[in-house]
Amino acid sequence: MLLFAAEKRRNLQENYVMDAGLCHGTAGIGHIFYRMWRNTRMLEFKNAADYWMNETLKMAKFEDGLTGYKTWHGKSGWINSYGLLEGIAGIGLALLTYYYEIEPTWDECLLLS
C-alpha cells in the first residue's frame, strides 16, 4: 500500500492536500515517506519524500504568512499557525529532519518511530 502511494498518489488536488502542515499536508506526507526510506532504504520511498518535500517548499508562497506558510481552515480560509501539527513548527521540523538526514526520533509522538 505504501509503495502504491509512493509511486502513484502525487496529485495535490486529487488527494485534497491543501497546505504544508505536518498533520495533513505536504510536510507530513513527505515525513512519512522519509521515515519509510530511513527504515527500508527503498528508493521508491526516497523519491516520494523528495517529491513531497519539494511540494512543501512550493507552499511557502504567502507574503503575509509565517515564513511564507499558511494553514487552510475550510470556512475560515487561510490562517497563520505556529503549531506542531498544522503550523510552521511541524513544517520546519520535517524539513530540517529531511534535509539534514537526521534520525527523526521526535516522531514518536506521532506513532511513527
N, C-alpha and C. Protein backbone atom coordinates (compact mmCIF):
# COMPACT_ATOMS: atom_id res chain seq x y z
N MET A 1 0.82 -1.18 0.00
CA MET A 1 0.00 0.00 0.00
C MET A 1 0.87 1.26 0.00
N LEU A 2 1.92 1.25 0.81
CA LEU A 2 2.81 2.41 0.85
C LEU A 2 3.57 2.58 -0.46
N LEU A 3 3.96 1.49 -1.08
CA LEU A 3 4.63 1.59 -2.38
C LEU A 3 3.70 2.19 -3.43
N PHE A 4 2.45 1.77 -3.44
CA PHE A 4 1.48 2.34 -4.37
C PHE A 4 1.35 3.83 -4.14
N ALA A 5 1.20 4.23 -2.88
CA ALA A 5 1.08 5.64 -2.55
C ALA A 5 2.34 6.41 -2.92
N ALA A 6 3.49 5.82 -2.72
CA ALA A 6 4.75 6.48 -3.03
C ALA A 6 4.90 6.76 -4.51
N GLU A 7 4.41 5.85 -5.33
CA GLU A 7 4.62 5.97 -6.76
C GLU A 7 3.46 6.59 -7.52
N LYS A 8 2.24 6.50 -7.01
CA LYS A 8 1.07 6.91 -7.78
C LYS A 8 0.31 8.11 -7.23
N ARG A 9 0.35 8.35 -5.93
CA ARG A 9 -0.52 9.37 -5.33
C ARG A 9 0.23 10.67 -5.15
N ARG A 10 0.43 11.39 -6.25
CA ARG A 10 1.21 12.61 -6.20
C ARG A 10 0.46 13.82 -6.75
N ASN A 11 -0.85 13.80 -6.73
CA ASN A 11 -1.61 14.92 -7.22
C ASN A 11 -2.29 15.61 -6.03
N LEU A 12 -1.91 16.85 -5.78
CA LEU A 12 -2.43 17.56 -4.61
C LEU A 12 -3.94 17.71 -4.66
N GLN A 13 -4.49 18.10 -5.80
CA GLN A 13 -5.93 18.31 -5.90
C GLN A 13 -6.71 17.01 -5.72
N GLU A 14 -6.29 15.94 -6.39
CA GLU A 14 -6.99 14.66 -6.28
C GLU A 14 -6.96 14.10 -4.87
N ASN A 15 -5.90 14.41 -4.13
CA ASN A 15 -5.74 13.88 -2.78
C ASN A 15 -6.10 14.89 -1.69
N TYR A 16 -6.67 16.02 -2.09
CA TYR A 16 -7.14 17.05 -1.17
C TYR A 16 -6.05 17.55 -0.22
N VAL A 17 -4.86 17.72 -0.74
CA VAL A 17 -3.75 18.28 0.04
C VAL A 17 -3.76 19.78 -0.21
N MET A 18 -4.13 20.53 0.83
CA MET A 18 -4.33 21.97 0.68
C MET A 18 -3.16 22.81 1.19
N ASP A 19 -2.43 22.30 2.18
CA ASP A 19 -1.37 23.10 2.79
C ASP A 19 -0.17 22.23 3.11
N ALA A 20 0.77 22.80 3.84
CA ALA A 20 2.03 22.09 4.10
C ALA A 20 2.11 21.45 5.48
N GLY A 21 1.08 21.55 6.28
CA GLY A 21 1.14 21.09 7.67
C GLY A 21 1.55 19.64 7.87
N LEU A 22 2.10 19.39 9.03
CA LEU A 22 2.57 18.04 9.39
C LEU A 22 1.40 17.07 9.54
N CYS A 23 0.27 17.54 10.01
CA CYS A 23 -0.87 16.66 10.27
C CYS A 23 -1.50 16.11 9.00
N HIS A 24 -1.75 16.96 8.03
CA HIS A 24 -2.49 16.53 6.84
C HIS A 24 -1.99 17.17 5.55
N GLY A 25 -0.79 17.72 5.59
CA GLY A 25 -0.26 18.41 4.42
C GLY A 25 0.98 17.78 3.84
N THR A 26 1.63 18.53 2.98
CA THR A 26 2.78 18.01 2.24
C THR A 26 3.96 17.65 3.13
N ALA A 27 4.20 18.43 4.19
CA ALA A 27 5.33 18.10 5.09
C ALA A 27 5.09 16.78 5.81
N GLY A 28 3.86 16.54 6.22
CA GLY A 28 3.53 15.27 6.89
C GLY A 28 3.66 14.08 5.96
N ILE A 29 3.18 14.24 4.74
CA ILE A 29 3.30 13.15 3.76
C ILE A 29 4.77 12.90 3.46
N GLY A 30 5.50 13.98 3.24
CA GLY A 30 6.94 13.84 2.98
C GLY A 30 7.67 13.19 4.13
N HIS A 31 7.28 13.55 5.36
CA HIS A 31 7.95 12.95 6.52
C HIS A 31 7.65 11.45 6.64
N ILE A 32 6.44 11.06 6.37
CA ILE A 32 6.11 9.63 6.42
C ILE A 32 6.98 8.85 5.43
N PHE A 33 7.11 9.37 4.22
CA PHE A 33 7.95 8.68 3.23
C PHE A 33 9.42 8.75 3.60
N TYR A 34 9.85 9.84 4.22
CA TYR A 34 11.24 9.92 4.69
C TYR A 34 11.48 8.86 5.77
N ARG A 35 10.53 8.71 6.68
CA ARG A 35 10.65 7.70 7.74
C ARG A 35 10.71 6.30 7.12
N MET A 36 9.86 6.04 6.14
CA MET A 36 9.87 4.73 5.48
C MET A 36 11.20 4.49 4.76
N TRP A 37 11.75 5.54 4.15
CA TRP A 37 13.05 5.40 3.50
C TRP A 37 14.14 5.11 4.53
N ARG A 38 14.12 5.79 5.66
CA ARG A 38 15.12 5.54 6.71
C ARG A 38 15.03 4.10 7.21
N ASN A 39 13.81 3.59 7.28
CA ASN A 39 13.61 2.23 7.80
C ASN A 39 13.96 1.14 6.78
N THR A 40 13.74 1.42 5.49
CA THR A 40 13.89 0.37 4.47
C THR A 40 15.00 0.62 3.46
N ARG A 41 15.37 1.88 3.28
CA ARG A 41 16.32 2.31 2.24
C ARG A 41 15.84 2.00 0.83
N MET A 42 14.52 1.89 0.67
CA MET A 42 13.95 1.65 -0.66
C MET A 42 13.86 2.97 -1.42
N LEU A 43 14.39 2.98 -2.63
CA LEU A 43 14.46 4.19 -3.44
C LEU A 43 13.08 4.80 -3.70
N GLU A 44 12.06 3.98 -3.82
CA GLU A 44 10.71 4.49 -4.06
C GLU A 44 10.27 5.44 -2.95
N PHE A 45 10.62 5.12 -1.72
CA PHE A 45 10.26 5.98 -0.60
C PHE A 45 11.09 7.26 -0.59
N LYS A 46 12.35 7.17 -0.97
CA LYS A 46 13.20 8.38 -1.05
C LYS A 46 12.68 9.31 -2.13
N ASN A 47 12.31 8.76 -3.28
CA ASN A 47 11.76 9.58 -4.37
C ASN A 47 10.46 10.25 -3.95
N ALA A 48 9.61 9.53 -3.24
CA ALA A 48 8.36 10.12 -2.77
C ALA A 48 8.64 11.21 -1.74
N ALA A 49 9.57 10.98 -0.84
CA ALA A 49 9.93 12.01 0.15
C ALA A 49 10.46 13.25 -0.56
N ASP A 50 11.31 13.06 -1.56
CA ASP A 50 11.85 14.18 -2.33
C ASP A 50 10.71 14.99 -2.95
N TYR A 51 9.78 14.29 -3.58
CA TYR A 51 8.66 14.96 -4.23
C TYR A 51 7.85 15.80 -3.24
N TRP A 52 7.45 15.18 -2.12
CA TRP A 52 6.59 15.87 -1.17
C TRP A 52 7.30 17.00 -0.42
N MET A 53 8.59 16.85 -0.18
CA MET A 53 9.32 17.95 0.46
C MET A 53 9.49 19.12 -0.51
N ASN A 54 9.68 18.83 -1.78
CA ASN A 54 9.72 19.92 -2.77
C ASN A 54 8.37 20.62 -2.87
N GLU A 55 7.29 19.86 -2.80
CA GLU A 55 5.96 20.47 -2.78
C GLU A 55 5.78 21.34 -1.52
N THR A 56 6.36 20.90 -0.42
CA THR A 56 6.29 21.68 0.82
C THR A 56 6.97 23.03 0.62
N LEU A 57 8.12 23.05 -0.01
CA LEU A 57 8.81 24.31 -0.26
C LEU A 57 7.98 25.24 -1.15
N LYS A 58 7.29 24.67 -2.12
CA LYS A 58 6.44 25.47 -3.01
C LYS A 58 5.27 26.11 -2.28
N MET A 59 4.85 25.52 -1.16
CA MET A 59 3.71 26.04 -0.40
C MET A 59 4.03 27.35 0.32
N ALA A 60 5.31 27.69 0.44
CA ALA A 60 5.72 28.92 1.13
C ALA A 60 5.56 30.11 0.19
N LYS A 61 4.31 30.49 -0.09
CA LYS A 61 4.02 31.50 -1.11
C LYS A 61 3.24 32.70 -0.59
N PHE A 62 2.93 32.73 0.69
CA PHE A 62 2.11 33.80 1.24
C PHE A 62 2.98 34.92 1.79
N GLU A 63 2.82 36.12 1.24
CA GLU A 63 3.61 37.25 1.73
C GLU A 63 3.29 37.58 3.18
N ASP A 64 2.07 37.34 3.60
CA ASP A 64 1.68 37.63 4.98
C ASP A 64 1.66 36.36 5.85
N GLY A 65 2.25 35.29 5.35
CA GLY A 65 2.30 34.04 6.10
C GLY A 65 3.55 33.97 6.97
N LEU A 66 3.55 33.02 7.88
CA LEU A 66 4.70 32.79 8.74
C LEU A 66 5.75 32.04 7.94
N THR A 67 6.87 32.68 7.69
CA THR A 67 7.90 32.18 6.78
C THR A 67 7.31 31.76 5.42
N GLY A 68 6.21 32.40 5.05
CA GLY A 68 5.57 32.13 3.77
C GLY A 68 4.43 31.12 3.83
N TYR A 69 4.25 30.46 4.98
CA TYR A 69 3.24 29.39 5.10
C TYR A 69 1.97 29.87 5.78
N LYS A 70 0.86 29.31 5.33
CA LYS A 70 -0.43 29.46 5.99
C LYS A 70 -1.10 28.09 6.03
N THR A 71 -2.08 27.96 6.90
CA THR A 71 -2.83 26.72 7.07
C THR A 71 -4.25 26.92 6.56
N TRP A 72 -4.75 25.95 5.81
CA TRP A 72 -6.11 26.01 5.29
C TRP A 72 -7.08 25.54 6.38
N HIS A 73 -8.05 26.38 6.71
CA HIS A 73 -9.03 26.04 7.74
C HIS A 73 -10.45 26.10 7.21
N GLY A 74 -10.67 25.56 6.05
CA GLY A 74 -12.01 25.44 5.47
C GLY A 74 -12.76 26.75 5.41
N LYS A 75 -13.86 26.85 6.13
CA LYS A 75 -14.70 28.04 6.10
C LYS A 75 -13.96 29.29 6.58
N SER A 76 -12.99 29.11 7.44
CA SER A 76 -12.21 30.25 7.94
C SER A 76 -11.15 30.71 6.94
N GLY A 77 -10.88 29.90 5.94
CA GLY A 77 -9.89 30.25 4.94
C GLY A 77 -8.47 30.01 5.42
N TRP A 78 -7.55 30.78 4.90
CA TRP A 78 -6.13 30.65 5.22
C TRP A 78 -5.81 31.41 6.49
N ILE A 79 -5.11 30.75 7.42
CA ILE A 79 -4.72 31.38 8.67
C ILE A 79 -3.25 31.11 8.97
N ASN A 80 -2.66 31.95 9.79
CA ASN A 80 -1.30 31.71 10.28
C ASN A 80 -1.37 30.76 11.46
N SER A 81 -0.45 29.82 11.51
CA SER A 81 -0.41 28.86 12.61
C SER A 81 1.03 28.54 12.96
N TYR A 82 1.33 28.58 14.26
CA TYR A 82 2.68 28.28 14.74
C TYR A 82 2.84 26.82 15.18
N GLY A 83 1.77 26.08 15.33
CA GLY A 83 1.77 24.79 15.99
C GLY A 83 2.53 23.66 15.30
N LEU A 84 2.64 22.57 16.04
CA LEU A 84 3.34 21.38 15.56
C LEU A 84 2.55 20.66 14.47
N LEU A 85 1.28 20.43 14.68
CA LEU A 85 0.51 19.63 13.73
C LEU A 85 0.09 20.38 12.48
N GLU A 86 -0.29 21.64 12.62
CA GLU A 86 -0.79 22.38 11.47
C GLU A 86 0.07 23.56 11.06
N GLY A 87 1.02 23.94 11.89
CA GLY A 87 1.75 25.16 11.64
C GLY A 87 3.21 25.00 11.27
N ILE A 88 3.92 26.14 11.37
CA ILE A 88 5.30 26.18 10.91
C ILE A 88 6.26 25.38 11.79
N ALA A 89 5.90 25.12 13.05
CA ALA A 89 6.79 24.30 13.89
C ALA A 89 6.93 22.90 13.31
N GLY A 90 5.83 22.29 12.92
CA GLY A 90 5.88 20.95 12.33
C GLY A 90 6.50 20.94 10.95
N ILE A 91 6.19 21.96 10.16
CA ILE A 91 6.76 22.06 8.81
C ILE A 91 8.28 22.18 8.92
N GLY A 92 8.72 23.06 9.80
CA GLY A 92 10.16 23.25 9.99
C GLY A 92 10.86 22.00 10.48
N LEU A 93 10.24 21.32 11.43
CA LEU A 93 10.82 20.09 11.96
C LEU A 93 10.97 19.03 10.88
N ALA A 94 9.94 18.87 10.06
CA ALA A 94 10.00 17.88 8.97
C ALA A 94 11.08 18.26 7.95
N LEU A 95 11.14 19.54 7.57
CA LEU A 95 12.13 19.97 6.59
C LEU A 95 13.56 19.83 7.12
N LEU A 96 13.79 20.23 8.36
CA LEU A 96 15.13 20.10 8.93
C LEU A 96 15.57 18.64 9.03
N THR A 97 14.66 17.79 9.46
CA THR A 97 14.96 16.36 9.58
C THR A 97 15.32 15.78 8.22
N TYR A 98 14.55 16.13 7.22
CA TYR A 98 14.76 15.62 5.86
C TYR A 98 16.07 16.12 5.26
N TYR A 99 16.28 17.42 5.28
CA TYR A 99 17.45 17.98 4.60
C TYR A 99 18.77 17.66 5.28
N TYR A 100 18.76 17.46 6.59
CA TYR A 100 19.98 17.10 7.29
C TYR A 100 20.07 15.59 7.53
N GLU A 101 19.09 14.85 7.02
CA GLU A 101 19.03 13.38 7.15
C GLU A 101 19.26 12.94 8.60
N ILE A 102 18.49 13.56 9.47
CA ILE A 102 18.55 13.29 10.91
C ILE A 102 17.62 12.12 11.22
N GLU A 103 18.00 11.29 12.17
CA GLU A 103 17.10 10.24 12.68
C GLU A 103 15.95 10.95 13.39
N PRO A 104 14.73 10.80 12.90
CA PRO A 104 13.61 11.55 13.45
C PRO A 104 12.99 10.92 14.70
N THR A 105 13.75 10.89 15.77
CA THR A 105 13.21 10.30 17.00
C THR A 105 12.04 11.11 17.54
N TRP A 106 11.93 12.37 17.15
CA TRP A 106 10.83 13.22 17.61
C TRP A 106 9.47 12.71 17.13
N ASP A 107 9.45 11.92 16.06
CA ASP A 107 8.15 11.49 15.51
C ASP A 107 7.50 10.36 16.30
N GLU A 108 8.11 9.99 17.42
CA GLU A 108 7.46 9.00 18.30
C GLU A 108 6.11 9.51 18.78
N CYS A 109 6.00 10.83 18.96
CA CYS A 109 4.72 11.40 19.39
C CYS A 109 3.63 11.26 18.33
N LEU A 110 4.02 10.96 17.10
CA LEU A 110 3.07 10.72 16.01
C LEU A 110 2.89 9.24 15.72
N LEU A 111 3.50 8.40 16.57
CA LEU A 111 3.45 6.94 16.44
C LEU A 111 4.12 6.46 15.15
N LEU A 112 5.17 7.16 14.72
CA LEU A 112 5.91 6.77 13.52
C LEU A 112 7.24 6.11 13.83
N SER A 113 7.77 6.30 15.01
CA SER A 113 9.07 5.70 15.36
C SER A 113 8.92 4.25 15.74
